[in-house]
Amino acid sequence: MHERQRKAHSSRRIRVEHGIAHRKNWRALTRHLGRREHMSDTVQAVASLLSHQQTADLVSARQT
């Protein structure tokens, strides 16, 4: 029973930890020091990388 509770808690916690990490990634863009003309390209690149990572995470979770 303790193991099931620990696993359930861990599963909830990892979602929160990932959410915090993603928020920190986006916060870095608020301190963008590059040219403003390239900001939309930067945001698009980060969004693409994030989408790719989430897809990879889903695929690996389904395989286990």
PDB file of N, CA and C in Angstrom:
ATOM      1  N   MET A   1       0.837  -1.192   0.000  1.00  0.00           N
ATOM      2  CA  MET A   1       0.000   0.000   0.000  1.00  0.00           C
ATOM      3  C   MET A   1       0.884   1.259   0.000  1.00  0.00           C
ATOM      4  N   HIS A   2       1.938   1.234   0.777  1.00  0.00           N
ATOM      5  CA  HIS A   2       2.848   2.382   0.828  1.00  0.00           C
ATOM      6  C   HIS A   2       3.466   2.641  -0.553  1.00  0.00           C
ATOM      7  N   GLU A   3       3.841   1.591  -1.255  1.00  0.00           N
ATOM      8  CA  GLU A   3       4.432   1.741  -2.584  1.00  0.00           C
ATOM      9  C   GLU A   3       3.446   2.370  -3.566  1.00  0.00           C
ATOM     10  N   ARG A   4       2.176   1.964  -3.502  1.00  0.00           N
ATOM     11  CA  ARG A   4       1.158   2.544  -4.391  1.00  0.00           C
ATOM     12  C   ARG A   4       0.961   4.023  -4.099  1.00  0.00           C
ATOM     13  N   GLN A   5       0.933   4.374  -2.820  1.00  0.00           N
ATOM     14  CA  GLN A   5       0.780   5.775  -2.444  1.00  0.00           C
ATOM     15  C   GLN A   5       1.980   6.593  -2.902  1.00  0.00           C
ATOM     16  N   ARG A   6       3.166   6.044  -2.719  1.00  0.00           N
ATOM     17  CA  ARG A   6       4.381   6.740  -3.134  1.00  0.00           C
ATOM     18  C   ARG A   6       4.399   6.949  -4.642  1.00  0.00           C
ATOM     19  N   LYS A   7       4.001   5.927  -5.394  1.00  0.00           N
ATOM     20  CA  LYS A   7       3.975   6.038  -6.854  1.00  0.00           C
ATOM     21  C   LYS A   7       2.937   7.067  -7.308  1.00  0.00           C
ATOM     22  N   ALA A   8       1.775   7.068  -6.687  1.00  0.00           N
ATOM     23  CA  ALA A   8       0.736   8.043  -7.038  1.00  0.00           C
ATOM     24  C   ALA A   8       1.217   9.468  -6.760  1.00  0.00           C
ATOM     25  N   HIS A   9       1.844   9.662  -5.616  1.00  0.00           N
ATOM     26  CA  HIS A   9       2.374  10.979  -5.273  1.00  0.00           C
ATOM     27  C   HIS A   9       3.454  11.394  -6.264  1.00  0.00           C
ATOM     28  N   SER A  10       4.334  10.470  -6.607  1.00  0.00           N
ATOM     29  CA  SER A  10       5.414  10.746  -7.549  1.00  0.00           C
ATOM     30  C   SER A  10       4.860  11.136  -8.922  1.00  0.00           C
ATOM     31  N   SER A  11       3.810  10.446  -9.356  1.00  0.00           N
ATOM     32  CA  SER A  11       3.202  10.745 -10.663  1.00  0.00           C
ATOM     33  C   SER A  11       2.623  12.156 -10.693  1.00  0.00           C
ATOM     34  N   ARG A  12       1.983  12.553  -9.609  1.00  0.00           N
ATOM     35  CA  ARG A  12       1.435  13.915  -9.549  1.00  0.00           C
ATOM     36  C   ARG A  12       2.571  14.940  -9.479  1.00  0.00           C
ATOM     37  N   ARG A  13       3.587  14.627  -8.702  1.00  0.00           N
ATOM     38  CA  ARG A  13       4.687  15.570  -8.514  1.00  0.00           C
ATOM     39  C   ARG A  13       5.451  15.816  -9.809  1.00  0.00           C
ATOM     40  N   ILE A  14       5.668  14.784 -10.607  1.00  0.00           N
ATOM     41  CA  ILE A  14       6.440  14.951 -11.838  1.00  0.00           C
ATOM     42  C   ILE A  14       5.728  15.901 -12.797  1.00  0.00           C
ATOM     43  N   ARG A  15       4.400  15.868 -12.820  1.00  0.00           N
ATOM     44  CA  ARG A  15       3.649  16.804 -13.678  1.00  0.00           C
ATOM     45  C   ARG A  15       3.899  18.240 -13.246  1.00  0.00           C
ATOM     46  N   VAL A  16       3.904  18.468 -11.950  1.00  0.00           N
ATOM     47  CA  VAL A  16       4.150  19.809 -11.423  1.00  0.00           C
ATOM     48  C   VAL A  16       5.579  20.240 -11.743  1.00  0.00           C
ATOM     49  N   GLU A  17       6.529  19.350 -11.541  1.00  0.00           N
ATOM     50  CA  GLU A  17       7.934  19.666 -11.823  1.00  0.00           C
ATOM     51  C   GLU A  17       8.132  20.013 -13.304  1.00  0.00           C
ATOM     52  N   HIS A  18       7.499  19.267 -14.192  1.00  0.00           N
ATOM     53  CA  HIS A  18       7.603  19.569 -15.625  1.00  0.00           C
ATOM     54  C   HIS A  18       6.965  20.917 -15.940  1.00  0.00           C
ATOM     55  N   GLY A  19       5.844  21.206 -15.310  1.00  0.00           N
ATOM     56  CA  GLY A  19       5.195  22.499 -15.515  1.00  0.00           C
ATOM     57  C   GLY A  19       6.078  23.653 -15.095  1.00  0.00           C
ATOM     58  N   ILE A  20       6.738  23.506 -13.959  1.00  0.00           N
ATOM     59  CA  ILE A  20       7.651  24.547 -13.475  1.00  0.00           C
ATOM     60  C   ILE A  20       8.821  24.717 -14.433  1.00  0.00           C
ATOM     61  N   ALA A  21       9.356  23.600 -14.921  1.00  0.00           N
ATOM     62  CA  ALA A  21      10.483  23.671 -15.861  1.00  0.00           C
ATOM     63  C   ALA A  21      10.072  24.381 -17.150  1.00  0.00           C
ATOM     64  N   HIS A  22       8.885  24.067 -17.668  1.00  0.00           N
ATOM     65  CA  HIS A  22       8.420  24.730 -18.897  1.00  0.00           C
ATOM     66  C   HIS A  22       8.222  26.224 -18.667  1.00  0.00           C
ATOM     67  N   ARG A  23       7.708  26.578 -17.501  1.00  0.00           N
ATOM     68  CA  ARG A  23       7.520  28.000 -17.182  1.00  0.00           C
ATOM     69  C   ARG A  23       8.868  28.717 -17.152  1.00  0.00           C
ATOM     70  N   LYS A  24       9.874  28.078 -16.596  1.00  0.00           N
ATOM     71  CA  LYS A  24      11.204  28.693 -16.545  1.00  0.00           C
ATOM     72  C   LYS A  24      11.769  28.871 -17.947  1.00  0.00           C
ATOM     73  N   ASN A  25      11.498  27.926 -18.845  1.00  0.00           N
ATOM     74  CA  ASN A  25      11.961  28.070 -20.225  1.00  0.00           C
ATOM     75  C   ASN A  25      11.347  29.309 -20.874  1.00  0.00           C
ATOM     76  N   TRP A  26      10.068  29.530 -20.669  1.00  0.00           N
ATOM     77  CA  TRP A  26       9.411  30.682 -21.271  1.00  0.00           C
ATOM     78  C   TRP A  26       9.844  31.978 -20.589  1.00  0.00           C
ATOM     79  N   ARG A  27      10.165  31.933 -19.290  1.00  0.00           N
ATOM     80  CA  ARG A  27      10.591  33.137 -18.576  1.00  0.00           C
ATOM     81  C   ARG A  27      11.881  33.690 -19.177  1.00  0.00           C
ATOM     82  N   ALA A  28      12.711  32.813 -19.689  1.00  0.00           N
ATOM     83  CA  ALA A  28      13.967  33.267 -20.300  1.00  0.00           C
ATOM     84  C   ALA A  28      13.695  34.207 -21.468  1.00  0.00           C
ATOM     85  N   LEU A  29      12.574  34.025 -22.130  1.00  0.00           N
ATOM     86  CA  LEU A  29      12.246  34.894 -23.263  1.00  0.00           C
ATOM     87  C   LEU A  29      11.906  36.321 -22.828  1.00  0.00           C
ATOM     88  N   THR A  30      11.515  36.504 -21.570  1.00  0.00           N
ATOM     89  CA  THR A  30      11.200  37.864 -21.114  1.00  0.00           C
ATOM     90  C   THR A  30      12.456  38.706 -20.998  1.00  0.00           C
ATOM     91  N   ARG A  31      13.607  38.035 -20.906  1.00  0.00           N
ATOM     92  CA  ARG A  31      14.874  38.752 -20.829  1.00  0.00           C
ATOM     93  C   ARG A  31      15.598  38.710 -22.169  1.00  0.00           C
ATOM     94  N   HIS A  32      14.852  38.602 -23.226  1.00  0.00           N
ATOM     95  CA  HIS A  32      15.417  38.481 -24.572  1.00  0.00           C
ATOM     96  C   HIS A  32      16.285  39.697 -24.892  1.00  0.00           C
ATOM     97  N   LEU A  33      17.538  39.448 -25.222  1.00  0.00           N
ATOM     98  CA  LEU A  33      18.469  40.540 -25.495  1.00  0.00           C
ATOM     99  C   LEU A  33      18.743  40.713 -26.986  1.00  0.00           C
ATOM    100  N   GLY A  34      18.134  39.851 -27.786  1.00  0.00           N
ATOM    101  CA  GLY A  34      18.352  39.931 -29.226  1.00  0.00           C
ATOM    102  C   GLY A  34      17.522  41.033 -29.866  1.00  0.00           C
ATOM    103  N   ARG A  35      17.605  41.096 -31.149  1.00  0.00           N
ATOM    104  CA  ARG A  35      16.841  42.106 -31.884  1.00  0.00           C
ATOM    105  C   ARG A  35      15.357  41.763 -31.845  1.00  0.00           C
ATOM    106  N   ARG A  36      14.546  42.793 -31.686  1.00  0.00           N
ATOM    107  CA  ARG A  36      13.100  42.582 -31.611  1.00  0.00           C
ATOM    108  C   ARG A  36      12.523  42.005 -32.903  1.00  0.00           C
ATOM    109  N   GLU A  37      13.174  42.278 -34.013  1.00  0.00           N
ATOM    110  CA  GLU A  37      12.679  41.753 -35.293  1.00  0.00           C
ATOM    111  C   GLU A  37      12.739  40.227 -35.321  1.00  0.00           C
ATOM    112  N   HIS A  38      13.642  39.644 -34.521  1.00  0.00           N
ATOM    113  CA  HIS A  38      13.815  38.194 -34.508  1.00  0.00           C
ATOM    114  C   HIS A  38      13.064  37.512 -33.368  1.00  0.00           C
ATOM    115  N   MET A  39      12.357  38.294 -32.560  1.00  0.00           N
ATOM    116  CA  MET A  39      11.675  37.722 -31.400  1.00  0.00           C
ATOM    117  C   MET A  39      10.634  36.690 -31.815  1.00  0.00           C
ATOM    118  N   SER A  40       9.854  36.956 -32.847  1.00  0.00           N
ATOM    119  CA  SER A  40       8.837  35.983 -33.259  1.00  0.00           C
ATOM    120  C   SER A  40       9.490  34.684 -33.725  1.00  0.00           C
ATOM    121  N   ASP A  41      10.647  34.781 -34.383  1.00  0.00           N
ATOM    122  CA  ASP A  41      11.369  33.574 -34.791  1.00  0.00           C
ATOM    123  C   ASP A  41      11.843  32.789 -33.571  1.00  0.00           C
ATOM    124  N   THR A  42      12.288  33.500 -32.556  1.00  0.00           N
ATOM    125  CA  THR A  42      12.758  32.853 -31.330  1.00  0.00           C
ATOM    126  C   THR A  42      11.609  32.143 -30.626  1.00  0.00           C
ATOM    127  N   VAL A  43      10.484  32.820 -30.501  1.00  0.00           N
ATOM    128  CA  VAL A  43       9.311  32.219 -29.853  1.00  0.00           C
ATOM    129  C   VAL A  43       8.854  30.991 -30.633  1.00  0.00           C
ATOM    130  N   GLN A  44       8.826  31.080 -31.947  1.00  0.00           N
ATOM    131  CA  GLN A  44       8.419  29.938 -32.773  1.00  0.00           C
ATOM    132  C   GLN A  44       9.374  28.765 -32.597  1.00  0.00           C
ATOM    133  N   ALA A  45      10.661  29.031 -32.520  1.00  0.00           N
ATOM    134  CA  ALA A  45      11.652  27.968 -32.335  1.00  0.00           C
ATOM    135  C   ALA A  45      11.469  27.280 -30.987  1.00  0.00           C
ATOM    136  N   VAL A  46      11.254  28.070 -29.935  1.00  0.00           N
ATOM    137  CA  VAL A  46      11.057  27.489 -28.601  1.00  0.00           C
ATOM    138  C   VAL A  46       9.770  26.673 -28.565  1.00  0.00           C
ATOM    139  N   ALA A  47       8.709  27.185 -29.165  1.00  0.00           N
ATOM    140  CA  ALA A  47       7.438  26.454 -29.201  1.00  0.00           C
ATOM    141  C   ALA A  47       7.598  25.136 -29.954  1.00  0.00           C
ATOM    142  N   SER A  48       8.344  25.144 -31.027  1.00  0.00           N
ATOM    143  CA  SER A  48       8.566  23.919 -31.796  1.00  0.00           C
ATOM    144  C   SER A  48       9.354  22.902 -30.990  1.00  0.00           C
ATOM    145  N   LEU A  49      10.392  23.361 -30.309  1.00  0.00           N
ATOM    146  CA  LEU A  49      11.189  22.463 -29.480  1.00  0.00           C
ATOM    147  C   LEU A  49      10.362  21.877 -28.342  1.00  0.00           C
ATOM    148  N   LEU A  50       9.545  22.704 -27.727  1.00  0.00           N
ATOM    149  CA  LEU A  50       8.698  22.240 -26.636  1.00  0.00           C
ATOM    150  C   LEU A  50       7.696  21.209 -27.136  1.00  0.00           C
ATOM    151  N   SER A  51       7.091  21.474 -28.275  1.00  0.00           N
ATOM    152  CA  SER A  51       6.138  20.534 -28.862  1.00  0.00           C
ATOM    153  C   SER A  51       6.815  19.209 -29.182  1.00  0.00           C
ATOM    154  N   HIS A  52       8.003  19.283 -29.755  1.00  0.00           N
ATOM    155  CA  HIS A  52       8.751  18.071 -30.084  1.00  0.00           C
ATOM    156  C   HIS A  52       9.071  17.272 -28.822  1.00  0.00           C
ATOM    157  N   GLN A  53       9.482  17.958 -27.765  1.00  0.00           N
ATOM    158  CA  GLN A  53       9.818  17.275 -26.503  1.00  0.00           C
ATOM    159  C   GLN A  53       8.590  16.611 -25.897  1.00  0.00           C
ATOM    160  N   GLN A  54       7.466  17.296 -25.913  1.00  0.00           N
ATOM    161  CA  GLN A  54       6.250  16.724 -25.350  1.00  0.00           C
ATOM    162  C   GLN A  54       5.811  15.498 -26.143  1.00  0.00           C
ATOM    163  N   THR A  55       5.945  15.545 -27.450  1.00  0.00           N
ATOM    164  CA  THR A  55       5.603  14.397 -28.291  1.00  0.00           C
ATOM    165  C   THR A  55       6.519  13.225 -27.975  1.00  0.00           C
ATOM    166  N   ALA A  56       7.808  13.493 -27.841  1.00  0.00           N
ATOM    167  CA  ALA A  56       8.767  12.436 -27.510  1.00  0.00           C
ATOM    168  C   ALA A  56       8.456  11.834 -26.146  1.00  0.00           C
ATOM    169  N   ASP A  57       8.067  12.673 -25.177  1.00  0.00           N
ATOM    170  CA  ASP A  57       7.719  12.183 -23.843  1.00  0.00           C
ATOM    171  C   ASP A  57       6.495  11.273 -23.908  1.00  0.00           C
ATOM    172  N   LEU A  58       5.496  11.657 -24.705  1.00  0.00           N
ATOM    173  CA  LEU A  58       4.295  10.833 -24.838  1.00  0.00           C
ATOM    174  C   LEU A  58       4.597   9.492 -25.472  1.00  0.00           C
ATOM    175  N   VAL A  59       5.414   9.495 -26.498  1.00  0.00           N
ATOM    176  CA  VAL A  59       5.776   8.252 -27.194  1.00  0.00           C
ATOM    177  C   VAL A  59       6.532   7.325 -26.249  1.00  0.00           C
ATOM    178  N   SER A  60       7.494   7.869 -25.517  1.00  0.00           N
ATOM    179  CA  SER A  60       8.265   7.018 -24.602  1.00  0.00           C
ATOM    180  C   SER A  60       7.404   6.509 -23.465  1.00  0.00           C
ATOM    181  N   ALA A  61       6.433   7.296 -22.986  1.00  0.00           N
ATOM    182  CA  ALA A  61       5.553   6.846 -21.922  1.00  0.00           C
ATOM    183  C   ALA A  61       4.656   5.710 -22.397  1.00  0.00           C
ATOM    184  N   ARG A  62       4.223   5.767 -23.626  1.00  0.00           N
ATOM    185  CA  ARG A  62       3.376   4.694 -24.170  1.00  0.00           C
ATOM    186  C   ARG A  62       4.137   3.407 -24.379  1.00  0.00           C
ATOM    187  N   GLN A  63       5.429   3.510 -24.629  1.00  0.00           N
ATOM    188  CA  GLN A  63       6.249   2.327 -24.882  1.00  0.00           C
ATOM    189  C   GLN A  63       6.587   1.594 -23.587  1.00  0.00           C
ATOM    190  N   THR A  64       6.484   2.277 -22.456  1.00  0.00           N
ATOM    191  CA  THR A  64       6.829   1.622 -21.187  1.00  0.00           C
ATOM    192  C   THR A  64       5.628   1.059 -20.504  1.00  0.00           C
TER     193      THR A  64
END
